[in-house]
Each structure stands twice: as structure tokens, then as C-alpha cells.
Amino acid sequence: MSRHPTLKWAQRSDQLYITVELPDAKDVKLKLEPDGRFIFSATKEGVPYEVDIELFDKVNVEESKYNIGVRSIVYVVKKAEKKWWDRLLKQEGKPPVFLKVDWDKWVDEGDENERSGMDFDSMDFLNLDMDEDDFDMNESKNEEEAVESKEEEDKEAKEPTEPAAEEAKA
């Protein structure tokens, strides 16, 4: 009897990310059918592993691609129709125990077009035009020291000195 490797998934409106976590897999076979059937088989240390699932909807096999790595197999599956799926599998109910959400790749539907922060993927850092006048480390350090000095002065002004406290008791 074969075992099931851990399968992680995430989606965008136009594609799925399916990651098969099976380090050092041998004899890897992948099959993706237009109706959404995904079949995986491999061996590890002589033990057979396989997955045969029906995806929620149809996929574009020609535009889908995969990469077989040492630690995992990643399949980027192009959806036939650009839309968010309610779940990965066609079958409703509780998903199998070997199927997990890939939170590292997950993006919520409303956040797909938004980027947190800047997009550094296409930025060429070698050609940034930063003259010496753009940023002065000493200037920011001097400002920080001035703030700390002011905070210390305020703190000392609020604390009564010991002789004054002694006189108040007498």
C-alpha cells in the first residue's frame, strides 16, 4: 500500500500553487488533466507515495509548469477560468489529512492586487541615485542624541533631589 506525502496549496485568481513535500523523492511522475485531475507518484527509500485528487475546476495543462527539487515538487497550475475557488478539491467536506494550506504563498482574495510595502522584485539596486547629500548618518545620530538629552533633562527636573527630600521630612 502506498502512502500520501504532505500536499500544500495556495491560490491566486488565475493559478494554483501545489507543493508536494517529499524530500529525496525518486521516480517522480506527475500528471495533470484538463478536467482538473492531479496525479503524483514517487518513491522514497523504496516506499511508494502517491496522490490522486480531483481539483475544484478545470485547468489549463499547457500553461501549467512544475519544478522537481531536492526537498519538494512545486506545480504552478494555470486555472482554465480566472476566478477564486472555494476550495482545492471538487469533493465537499473535510479535506484529507495530508492536504494543508501553504500559508507562505497564501494571499487573500481582496489582497491579490495590493502589495504590502514596495515591490523590490524588478528594482535594480546598483543603479540607485543616492548622493552623499541624500542621507547623512551623522545628522540623524545628532538628532537622536538631542532627543535623548532632552528626555534626560525632563526626567531630572521631575525627580526631587535627596537634600530637598530630607528637609521636607524635618
N, C-alpha and C. Protein backbone atom coordinates (compact mmCIF):
# COMPACT_ATOMS: atom_id res chain seq x y z
N MET A 1 0.84 -1.18 0.00
CA MET A 1 0.00 0.00 0.00
C MET A 1 0.89 1.24 0.00
N SER A 2 0.51 2.24 -0.77
CA SER A 2 1.31 3.46 -0.86
C SER A 2 0.86 4.48 0.18
N ARG A 3 1.75 5.41 0.46
CA ARG A 3 1.48 6.48 1.42
C ARG A 3 1.17 7.77 0.68
N HIS A 4 0.65 8.74 1.43
CA HIS A 4 0.39 10.07 0.87
C HIS A 4 1.43 11.04 1.40
N PRO A 5 2.11 11.78 0.52
CA PRO A 5 3.00 12.83 1.00
C PRO A 5 2.17 14.03 1.43
N THR A 6 2.77 14.94 2.17
CA THR A 6 2.07 16.18 2.54
C THR A 6 1.94 17.03 1.29
N LEU A 7 0.74 17.54 1.07
CA LEU A 7 0.44 18.38 -0.08
C LEU A 7 0.02 19.74 0.44
N LYS A 8 0.71 20.81 0.03
CA LYS A 8 0.35 22.17 0.44
C LYS A 8 -0.16 22.91 -0.77
N TRP A 9 -1.11 23.81 -0.56
CA TRP A 9 -1.67 24.55 -1.70
C TRP A 9 -2.00 25.99 -1.32
N ALA A 10 -1.96 26.84 -2.34
CA ALA A 10 -2.37 28.24 -2.23
C ALA A 10 -2.90 28.63 -3.60
N GLN A 11 -3.60 29.76 -3.69
CA GLN A 11 -4.16 30.15 -4.98
C GLN A 11 -4.12 31.65 -5.21
N ARG A 12 -4.22 32.00 -6.45
CA ARG A 12 -4.49 33.35 -6.93
C ARG A 12 -5.69 33.19 -7.85
N SER A 13 -6.21 34.27 -8.37
CA SER A 13 -7.40 34.15 -9.22
C SER A 13 -7.10 33.38 -10.50
N ASP A 14 -5.85 33.40 -10.96
CA ASP A 14 -5.52 32.74 -12.23
C ASP A 14 -4.71 31.46 -12.10
N GLN A 15 -4.20 31.13 -10.89
CA GLN A 15 -3.38 29.93 -10.77
C GLN A 15 -3.39 29.35 -9.36
N LEU A 16 -2.93 28.10 -9.28
CA LEU A 16 -2.78 27.39 -8.02
C LEU A 16 -1.31 27.08 -7.81
N TYR A 17 -0.91 27.00 -6.56
CA TYR A 17 0.42 26.52 -6.20
C TYR A 17 0.22 25.23 -5.43
N ILE A 18 0.70 24.13 -5.98
CA ILE A 18 0.61 22.84 -5.30
C ILE A 18 2.03 22.38 -5.02
N THR A 19 2.35 22.18 -3.75
CA THR A 19 3.68 21.75 -3.34
C THR A 19 3.58 20.38 -2.71
N VAL A 20 4.32 19.42 -3.25
CA VAL A 20 4.39 18.07 -2.69
C VAL A 20 5.66 18.03 -1.85
N GLU A 21 5.50 17.88 -0.55
CA GLU A 21 6.65 17.83 0.33
C GLU A 21 7.12 16.38 0.48
N LEU A 22 8.16 16.04 -0.26
CA LEU A 22 8.72 14.70 -0.21
C LEU A 22 10.21 14.79 -0.54
N PRO A 23 11.05 15.10 0.46
CA PRO A 23 12.48 15.23 0.20
C PRO A 23 13.08 13.93 -0.36
N ASP A 24 14.05 14.08 -1.25
CA ASP A 24 14.77 12.96 -1.85
C ASP A 24 13.85 11.97 -2.58
N ALA A 25 12.80 12.48 -3.22
CA ALA A 25 11.88 11.62 -3.97
C ALA A 25 12.56 11.10 -5.23
N LYS A 26 12.29 9.86 -5.55
CA LYS A 26 12.83 9.21 -6.76
C LYS A 26 11.67 8.79 -7.66
N ASP A 27 11.95 8.63 -8.94
CA ASP A 27 10.95 8.16 -9.92
C ASP A 27 9.67 9.01 -9.87
N VAL A 28 9.83 10.32 -9.85
CA VAL A 28 8.69 11.24 -9.75
C VAL A 28 7.90 11.22 -11.06
N LYS A 29 6.59 11.01 -10.94
CA LYS A 29 5.68 11.07 -12.09
C LYS A 29 4.55 12.02 -11.73
N LEU A 30 4.30 12.98 -12.63
CA LEU A 30 3.23 13.96 -12.44
C LEU A 30 2.32 13.93 -13.64
N LYS A 31 1.02 14.00 -13.39
CA LYS A 31 0.06 14.07 -14.49
C LYS A 31 -1.04 15.05 -14.10
N LEU A 32 -1.31 15.96 -15.00
CA LEU A 32 -2.37 16.95 -14.80
C LEU A 32 -3.30 16.86 -16.00
N GLU A 33 -4.59 16.69 -15.74
CA GLU A 33 -5.57 16.57 -16.81
C GLU A 33 -6.44 17.83 -16.87
N PRO A 34 -6.92 18.19 -18.07
CA PRO A 34 -7.72 19.42 -18.24
C PRO A 34 -8.97 19.49 -17.35
N ASP A 35 -9.55 18.34 -17.02
CA ASP A 35 -10.75 18.35 -16.17
C ASP A 35 -10.42 18.62 -14.70
N GLY A 36 -9.11 18.70 -14.37
CA GLY A 36 -8.70 19.04 -13.01
C GLY A 36 -8.18 17.88 -12.21
N ARG A 37 -7.91 16.77 -12.83
CA ARG A 37 -7.35 15.63 -12.09
C ARG A 37 -5.84 15.80 -11.97
N PHE A 38 -5.33 15.67 -10.74
CA PHE A 38 -3.91 15.80 -10.44
C PHE A 38 -3.42 14.47 -9.87
N ILE A 39 -2.41 13.90 -10.54
CA ILE A 39 -1.88 12.60 -10.11
C ILE A 39 -0.37 12.75 -9.88
N PHE A 40 0.09 12.27 -8.74
CA PHE A 40 1.50 12.29 -8.39
C PHE A 40 1.89 10.92 -7.86
N SER A 41 3.07 10.47 -8.26
CA SER A 41 3.62 9.25 -7.67
C SER A 41 5.14 9.36 -7.63
N ALA A 42 5.73 8.74 -6.61
CA ALA A 42 7.18 8.73 -6.45
C ALA A 42 7.52 7.68 -5.39
N THR A 43 8.81 7.46 -5.23
CA THR A 43 9.27 6.57 -4.16
C THR A 43 10.31 7.32 -3.33
N LYS A 44 10.39 6.92 -2.08
CA LYS A 44 11.42 7.44 -1.18
C LYS A 44 11.88 6.28 -0.32
N GLU A 45 13.17 5.99 -0.43
CA GLU A 45 13.75 4.86 0.31
C GLU A 45 12.97 3.58 0.06
N GLY A 46 12.54 3.39 -1.19
CA GLY A 46 11.83 2.18 -1.59
C GLY A 46 10.35 2.15 -1.25
N VAL A 47 9.86 3.17 -0.57
CA VAL A 47 8.44 3.23 -0.17
C VAL A 47 7.68 4.06 -1.21
N PRO A 48 6.59 3.50 -1.78
CA PRO A 48 5.82 4.26 -2.78
C PRO A 48 4.91 5.30 -2.12
N TYR A 49 4.84 6.47 -2.77
CA TYR A 49 3.95 7.56 -2.35
C TYR A 49 3.10 7.95 -3.56
N GLU A 50 1.85 8.28 -3.30
CA GLU A 50 1.01 8.75 -4.41
C GLU A 50 -0.14 9.62 -3.93
N VAL A 51 -0.60 10.46 -4.85
CA VAL A 51 -1.75 11.34 -4.63
C VAL A 51 -2.55 11.34 -5.92
N ASP A 52 -3.85 11.19 -5.81
CA ASP A 52 -4.75 11.25 -6.95
C ASP A 52 -5.98 12.04 -6.49
N ILE A 53 -6.05 13.31 -6.91
CA ILE A 53 -7.14 14.16 -6.46
C ILE A 53 -7.83 14.84 -7.64
N GLU A 54 -9.09 15.20 -7.43
CA GLU A 54 -9.83 15.97 -8.41
C GLU A 54 -9.91 17.40 -7.92
N LEU A 55 -9.32 18.31 -8.70
CA LEU A 55 -9.34 19.73 -8.34
C LEU A 55 -10.73 20.31 -8.52
N PHE A 56 -10.97 21.43 -7.88
CA PHE A 56 -12.28 22.07 -7.85
C PHE A 56 -12.85 22.37 -9.23
N ASP A 57 -11.99 22.76 -10.20
CA ASP A 57 -12.47 23.14 -11.51
C ASP A 57 -11.43 22.76 -12.57
N LYS A 58 -11.72 23.13 -13.81
CA LYS A 58 -10.84 22.81 -14.93
C LYS A 58 -9.56 23.64 -14.89
N VAL A 59 -8.50 23.09 -15.51
CA VAL A 59 -7.20 23.76 -15.55
C VAL A 59 -6.65 23.79 -16.97
N ASN A 60 -5.68 24.66 -17.19
CA ASN A 60 -5.01 24.78 -18.47
C ASN A 60 -3.68 24.02 -18.37
N VAL A 61 -3.63 22.82 -18.89
CA VAL A 61 -2.47 21.96 -18.76
C VAL A 61 -1.25 22.54 -19.50
N GLU A 62 -1.47 23.11 -20.67
CA GLU A 62 -0.36 23.62 -21.49
C GLU A 62 0.39 24.77 -20.80
N GLU A 63 -0.32 25.62 -20.06
CA GLU A 63 0.31 26.77 -19.42
C GLU A 63 0.75 26.49 -17.99
N SER A 64 0.53 25.29 -17.50
CA SER A 64 0.96 24.90 -16.15
C SER A 64 2.39 24.39 -16.22
N LYS A 65 3.13 24.55 -15.12
CA LYS A 65 4.51 24.10 -15.10
C LYS A 65 4.89 23.58 -13.72
N TYR A 66 5.94 22.76 -13.69
CA TYR A 66 6.37 22.21 -12.41
C TYR A 66 7.89 22.22 -12.31
N ASN A 67 8.36 22.08 -11.06
CA ASN A 67 9.78 22.02 -10.78
C ASN A 67 10.01 20.91 -9.75
N ILE A 68 10.86 19.97 -10.09
CA ILE A 68 11.19 18.89 -9.17
C ILE A 68 12.48 19.25 -8.46
N GLY A 69 12.37 19.57 -7.19
CA GLY A 69 13.54 19.94 -6.39
C GLY A 69 13.96 18.80 -5.48
N VAL A 70 15.02 19.03 -4.73
CA VAL A 70 15.53 18.01 -3.81
C VAL A 70 14.59 17.81 -2.63
N ARG A 71 14.00 18.91 -2.13
CA ARG A 71 13.16 18.83 -0.95
C ARG A 71 11.66 18.73 -1.25
N SER A 72 11.25 19.25 -2.41
CA SER A 72 9.82 19.25 -2.74
C SER A 72 9.61 19.37 -4.24
N ILE A 73 8.38 19.13 -4.65
CA ILE A 73 7.96 19.28 -6.05
C ILE A 73 6.90 20.37 -6.06
N VAL A 74 7.12 21.41 -6.86
CA VAL A 74 6.18 22.54 -6.91
C VAL A 74 5.53 22.56 -8.28
N TYR A 75 4.21 22.58 -8.29
CA TYR A 75 3.44 22.63 -9.54
C TYR A 75 2.65 23.93 -9.53
N VAL A 76 2.89 24.78 -10.53
CA VAL A 76 2.11 26.01 -10.69
C VAL A 76 1.06 25.68 -11.76
N VAL A 77 -0.17 25.58 -11.32
CA VAL A 77 -1.26 25.15 -12.18
C VAL A 77 -2.07 26.36 -12.63
N LYS A 78 -2.16 26.54 -13.93
CA LYS A 78 -2.93 27.65 -14.51
C LYS A 78 -4.41 27.24 -14.53
N LYS A 79 -5.27 28.07 -13.97
CA LYS A 79 -6.71 27.79 -13.98
C LYS A 79 -7.26 28.06 -15.38
N ALA A 80 -8.26 27.28 -15.79
CA ALA A 80 -8.90 27.47 -17.09
C ALA A 80 -9.66 28.79 -17.11
N GLU A 81 -10.26 29.13 -15.98
CA GLU A 81 -11.03 30.37 -15.84
C GLU A 81 -10.44 31.19 -14.70
N LYS A 82 -10.26 32.48 -14.92
CA LYS A 82 -9.69 33.35 -13.88
C LYS A 82 -10.77 33.66 -12.85
N LYS A 83 -10.76 32.90 -11.75
CA LYS A 83 -11.69 33.11 -10.65
C LYS A 83 -11.17 32.40 -9.41
N TRP A 84 -11.60 32.89 -8.25
CA TRP A 84 -11.19 32.27 -6.99
C TRP A 84 -12.02 31.03 -6.74
N TRP A 85 -11.38 29.98 -6.30
CA TRP A 85 -12.06 28.73 -5.96
C TRP A 85 -12.42 28.74 -4.48
N ASP A 86 -13.53 28.10 -4.14
CA ASP A 86 -13.95 27.99 -2.75
C ASP A 86 -13.04 27.05 -1.96
N ARG A 87 -12.47 26.08 -2.66
CA ARG A 87 -11.60 25.08 -2.03
C ARG A 87 -10.73 24.46 -3.12
N LEU A 88 -9.79 23.62 -2.76
CA LEU A 88 -8.92 22.98 -3.75
C LEU A 88 -9.60 21.79 -4.42
N LEU A 89 -10.31 21.01 -3.65
CA LEU A 89 -10.89 19.77 -4.16
C LEU A 89 -12.35 19.92 -4.60
N LYS A 90 -12.71 19.11 -5.60
CA LYS A 90 -14.09 19.11 -6.08
C LYS A 90 -15.02 18.59 -4.99
N GLN A 91 -14.58 17.54 -4.29
CA GLN A 91 -15.42 16.94 -3.24
C GLN A 91 -15.56 17.88 -2.06
N GLU A 92 -16.79 17.98 -1.56
CA GLU A 92 -17.06 18.84 -0.40
C GLU A 92 -16.73 18.07 0.87
N GLY A 93 -16.75 18.80 1.98
CA GLY A 93 -16.50 18.16 3.27
C GLY A 93 -15.07 18.38 3.72
N LYS A 94 -14.70 17.65 4.75
CA LYS A 94 -13.38 17.79 5.34
C LYS A 94 -12.31 17.28 4.37
N PRO A 95 -11.26 18.10 4.12
CA PRO A 95 -10.20 17.65 3.21
C PRO A 95 -9.37 16.53 3.86
N PRO A 96 -8.65 15.76 3.04
CA PRO A 96 -7.82 14.70 3.60
C PRO A 96 -6.72 15.26 4.51
N VAL A 97 -6.24 14.45 5.44
CA VAL A 97 -5.26 14.92 6.43
C VAL A 97 -3.93 15.32 5.81
N PHE A 98 -3.59 14.79 4.65
CA PHE A 98 -2.31 15.12 4.02
C PHE A 98 -2.35 16.46 3.27
N LEU A 99 -3.53 17.08 3.16
CA LEU A 99 -3.69 18.34 2.43
C LEU A 99 -3.70 19.52 3.40
N LYS A 100 -2.79 20.48 3.17
CA LYS A 100 -2.68 21.64 4.06
C LYS A 100 -2.59 22.93 3.24
N VAL A 101 -2.95 24.03 3.85
CA VAL A 101 -2.83 25.34 3.21
C VAL A 101 -1.37 25.79 3.30
N ASP A 102 -0.86 26.32 2.20
CA ASP A 102 0.51 26.83 2.17
C ASP A 102 0.46 28.31 2.54
N TRP A 103 0.58 28.61 3.82
CA TRP A 103 0.45 29.98 4.31
C TRP A 103 1.58 30.88 3.81
N ASP A 104 2.72 30.30 3.43
CA ASP A 104 3.82 31.10 2.90
C ASP A 104 3.48 31.71 1.54
N LYS A 105 2.61 31.05 0.80
CA LYS A 105 2.24 31.54 -0.53
C LYS A 105 0.82 32.12 -0.58
N TRP A 106 0.09 31.98 0.50
CA TRP A 106 -1.32 32.37 0.52
C TRP A 106 -1.50 33.88 0.42
N VAL A 107 -2.48 34.30 -0.37
CA VAL A 107 -2.90 35.70 -0.46
C VAL A 107 -4.42 35.69 -0.45
N ASP A 108 -5.02 36.56 0.37
CA ASP A 108 -6.48 36.64 0.40
C ASP A 108 -6.99 37.26 -0.89
N GLU A 109 -8.20 36.91 -1.24
CA GLU A 109 -8.81 37.38 -2.49
C GLU A 109 -8.77 38.90 -2.61
N GLY A 110 -9.10 39.61 -1.54
CA GLY A 110 -9.12 41.07 -1.57
C GLY A 110 -7.73 41.70 -1.62
N ASP A 111 -6.72 40.93 -1.24
CA ASP A 111 -5.35 41.45 -1.19
C ASP A 111 -4.53 41.11 -2.43
N GLU A 112 -5.12 40.42 -3.38
CA GLU A 112 -4.35 39.95 -4.54
C GLU A 112 -3.69 41.10 -5.31
N ASN A 113 -4.41 42.19 -5.50
CA ASN A 113 -3.88 43.30 -6.29
C ASN A 113 -3.10 44.31 -5.46
N GLU A 114 -3.16 44.18 -4.14
CA GLU A 114 -2.44 45.09 -3.26
C GLU A 114 -1.09 44.48 -2.92
N ARG A 115 -0.12 45.33 -2.71
CA ARG A 115 1.20 44.87 -2.29
C ARG A 115 1.49 45.54 -0.96
N SER A 116 1.98 44.76 0.00
CA SER A 116 2.38 45.39 1.26
C SER A 116 3.79 45.92 1.06
N GLY A 117 3.93 47.21 1.21
CA GLY A 117 5.23 47.82 1.00
C GLY A 117 5.53 47.98 -0.47
N MET A 118 6.81 47.94 -0.81
CA MET A 118 7.22 48.15 -2.20
C MET A 118 7.51 46.82 -2.87
N ASP A 119 7.45 46.82 -4.18
CA ASP A 119 7.79 45.65 -4.98
C ASP A 119 9.27 45.76 -5.36
N PHE A 120 10.11 44.97 -4.70
CA PHE A 120 11.54 45.03 -4.93
C PHE A 120 12.01 44.05 -6.00
N ASP A 121 11.11 43.23 -6.53
CA ASP A 121 11.49 42.19 -7.49
C ASP A 121 12.17 42.76 -8.72
N SER A 122 11.67 43.86 -9.26
CA SER A 122 12.21 44.38 -10.50
C SER A 122 13.14 45.57 -10.28
N MET A 123 13.49 45.86 -9.04
CA MET A 123 14.31 47.03 -8.76
C MET A 123 15.80 46.70 -8.90
N ASP A 124 16.54 47.59 -9.55
CA ASP A 124 17.97 47.43 -9.71
C ASP A 124 18.67 48.30 -8.68
N PHE A 125 19.18 47.69 -7.62
CA PHE A 125 19.77 48.43 -6.52
C PHE A 125 21.12 49.05 -6.90
N LEU A 126 21.77 48.51 -7.91
CA LEU A 126 23.07 49.04 -8.31
C LEU A 126 22.96 50.42 -8.94
N ASN A 127 21.82 50.73 -9.51
CA ASN A 127 21.66 52.00 -10.21
C ASN A 127 20.87 53.04 -9.42
N LEU A 128 20.75 52.85 -8.12
CA LEU A 128 20.06 53.85 -7.31
C LEU A 128 20.90 55.12 -7.28
N ASP A 129 20.26 56.26 -7.45
CA ASP A 129 20.97 57.53 -7.47
C ASP A 129 20.92 58.15 -6.07
N MET A 130 21.89 57.80 -5.25
CA MET A 130 21.94 58.35 -3.90
C MET A 130 23.25 59.10 -3.73
N ASP A 131 23.16 60.41 -3.73
CA ASP A 131 24.32 61.24 -3.48
C ASP A 131 24.57 61.30 -1.99
N GLU A 132 25.73 61.83 -1.61
CA GLU A 132 26.04 61.96 -0.20
C GLU A 132 25.06 62.89 0.50
N ASP A 133 24.48 63.84 -0.24
CA ASP A 133 23.55 64.79 0.36
C ASP A 133 22.20 64.17 0.70
N ASP A 134 21.89 63.01 0.10
CA ASP A 134 20.58 62.39 0.29
C ASP A 134 20.37 61.89 1.72
N PHE A 135 21.45 61.40 2.34
CA PHE A 135 21.28 60.83 3.67
C PHE A 135 22.58 60.98 4.43
N ASP A 136 22.52 61.65 5.57
CA ASP A 136 23.70 61.89 6.37
C ASP A 136 23.54 61.15 7.70
N MET A 137 24.34 60.10 7.89
CA MET A 137 24.26 59.30 9.11
C MET A 137 24.53 60.14 10.35
N ASN A 138 25.49 61.06 10.28
CA ASN A 138 25.81 61.89 11.43
C ASN A 138 24.65 62.80 11.80
N GLU A 139 23.94 63.30 10.79
CA GLU A 139 22.81 64.19 11.05
C GLU A 139 21.73 63.47 11.85
N SER A 140 21.38 62.26 11.43
CA SER A 140 20.32 61.54 12.14
C SER A 140 20.79 61.13 13.53
N LYS A 141 22.09 60.85 13.70
CA LYS A 141 22.62 60.48 15.01
C LYS A 141 22.57 61.69 15.94
N ASN A 142 22.91 62.87 15.43
CA ASN A 142 22.87 64.09 16.24
C ASN A 142 21.44 64.40 16.69
N GLU A 143 20.47 64.20 15.81
CA GLU A 143 19.06 64.42 16.17
C GLU A 143 18.64 63.47 17.28
N GLU A 144 19.06 62.20 17.16
CA GLU A 144 18.71 61.19 18.15
C GLU A 144 19.31 61.54 19.51
N GLU A 145 20.59 61.99 19.53
CA GLU A 145 21.24 62.38 20.78
C GLU A 145 20.55 63.57 21.41
N ALA A 146 20.08 64.53 20.62
CA ALA A 146 19.38 65.70 21.14
C ALA A 146 18.08 65.29 21.81
N VAL A 147 17.36 64.36 21.22
CA VAL A 147 16.09 63.89 21.80
C VAL A 147 16.37 63.18 23.12
N GLU A 148 17.39 62.31 23.16
CA GLU A 148 17.72 61.59 24.38
C GLU A 148 18.14 62.56 25.49
N SER A 149 18.93 63.58 25.14
CA SER A 149 19.38 64.57 26.11
C SER A 149 18.19 65.32 26.70
N LYS A 150 17.24 65.72 25.87
CA LYS A 150 16.04 66.44 26.31
C LYS A 150 15.22 65.57 27.25
N GLU A 151 15.08 64.26 26.92
CA GLU A 151 14.33 63.34 27.77
C GLU A 151 14.98 63.22 29.13
N GLU A 152 16.31 63.15 29.18
CA GLU A 152 17.02 63.05 30.44
C GLU A 152 16.82 64.30 31.29
N GLU A 153 16.89 65.47 30.67
CA GLU A 153 16.69 66.73 31.39
C GLU A 153 15.30 66.79 31.99
N ASP A 154 14.30 66.38 31.23
CA ASP A 154 12.92 66.38 31.72
C ASP A 154 12.76 65.44 32.91
N LYS A 155 13.42 64.30 32.84
CA LYS A 155 13.33 63.29 33.89
C LYS A 155 13.97 63.82 35.17
N GLU A 156 15.15 64.46 35.04
CA GLU A 156 15.84 65.00 36.20
C GLU A 156 15.05 66.15 36.84
N ALA A 157 14.39 66.94 36.05
CA ALA A 157 13.62 68.06 36.57
C ALA A 157 12.44 67.59 37.42
N LYS A 158 11.92 66.41 37.10
CA LYS A 158 10.75 65.88 37.83
C LYS A 158 11.16 65.20 39.12
N GLU A 159 12.39 64.67 39.22
CA GLU A 159 12.84 63.94 40.41
C GLU A 159 13.35 64.93 41.46
N PRO A 160 12.86 64.86 42.70
CA PRO A 160 13.39 65.74 43.75
C PRO A 160 14.78 65.27 44.17
N THR A 161 15.62 66.18 44.53
CA THR A 161 16.96 65.82 44.98
C THR A 161 16.87 65.31 46.40
N GLU A 162 17.86 64.54 46.84
CA GLU A 162 17.82 63.95 48.18
C GLU A 162 17.81 64.99 49.30
N PRO A 163 18.66 66.04 49.26
CA PRO A 163 18.63 67.02 50.36
C PRO A 163 17.26 67.68 50.48
N ALA A 164 16.64 67.97 49.40
CA ALA A 164 15.32 68.60 49.45
C ALA A 164 14.31 67.66 50.09
N ALA A 165 14.43 66.38 49.82
CA ALA A 165 13.53 65.40 50.39
C ALA A 165 13.77 65.29 51.89
N GLU A 166 15.03 65.37 52.35
CA GLU A 166 15.36 65.32 53.76
C GLU A 166 14.77 66.53 54.50
N GLU A 167 14.88 67.72 53.89
CA GLU A 167 14.35 68.94 54.51
C GLU A 167 12.84 68.88 54.64
N ALA A 168 12.19 68.25 53.68
CA ALA A 168 10.73 68.17 53.74
C ALA A 168 10.29 67.31 54.89
N LYS A 169 11.08 66.28 55.25
CA LYS A 169 10.72 65.39 56.36
C LYS A 169 10.90 66.10 57.70
N ALA A 170 11.88 67.02 57.85
CA ALA A 170 12.22 67.64 59.12
C ALA A 170 11.28 68.73 59.52
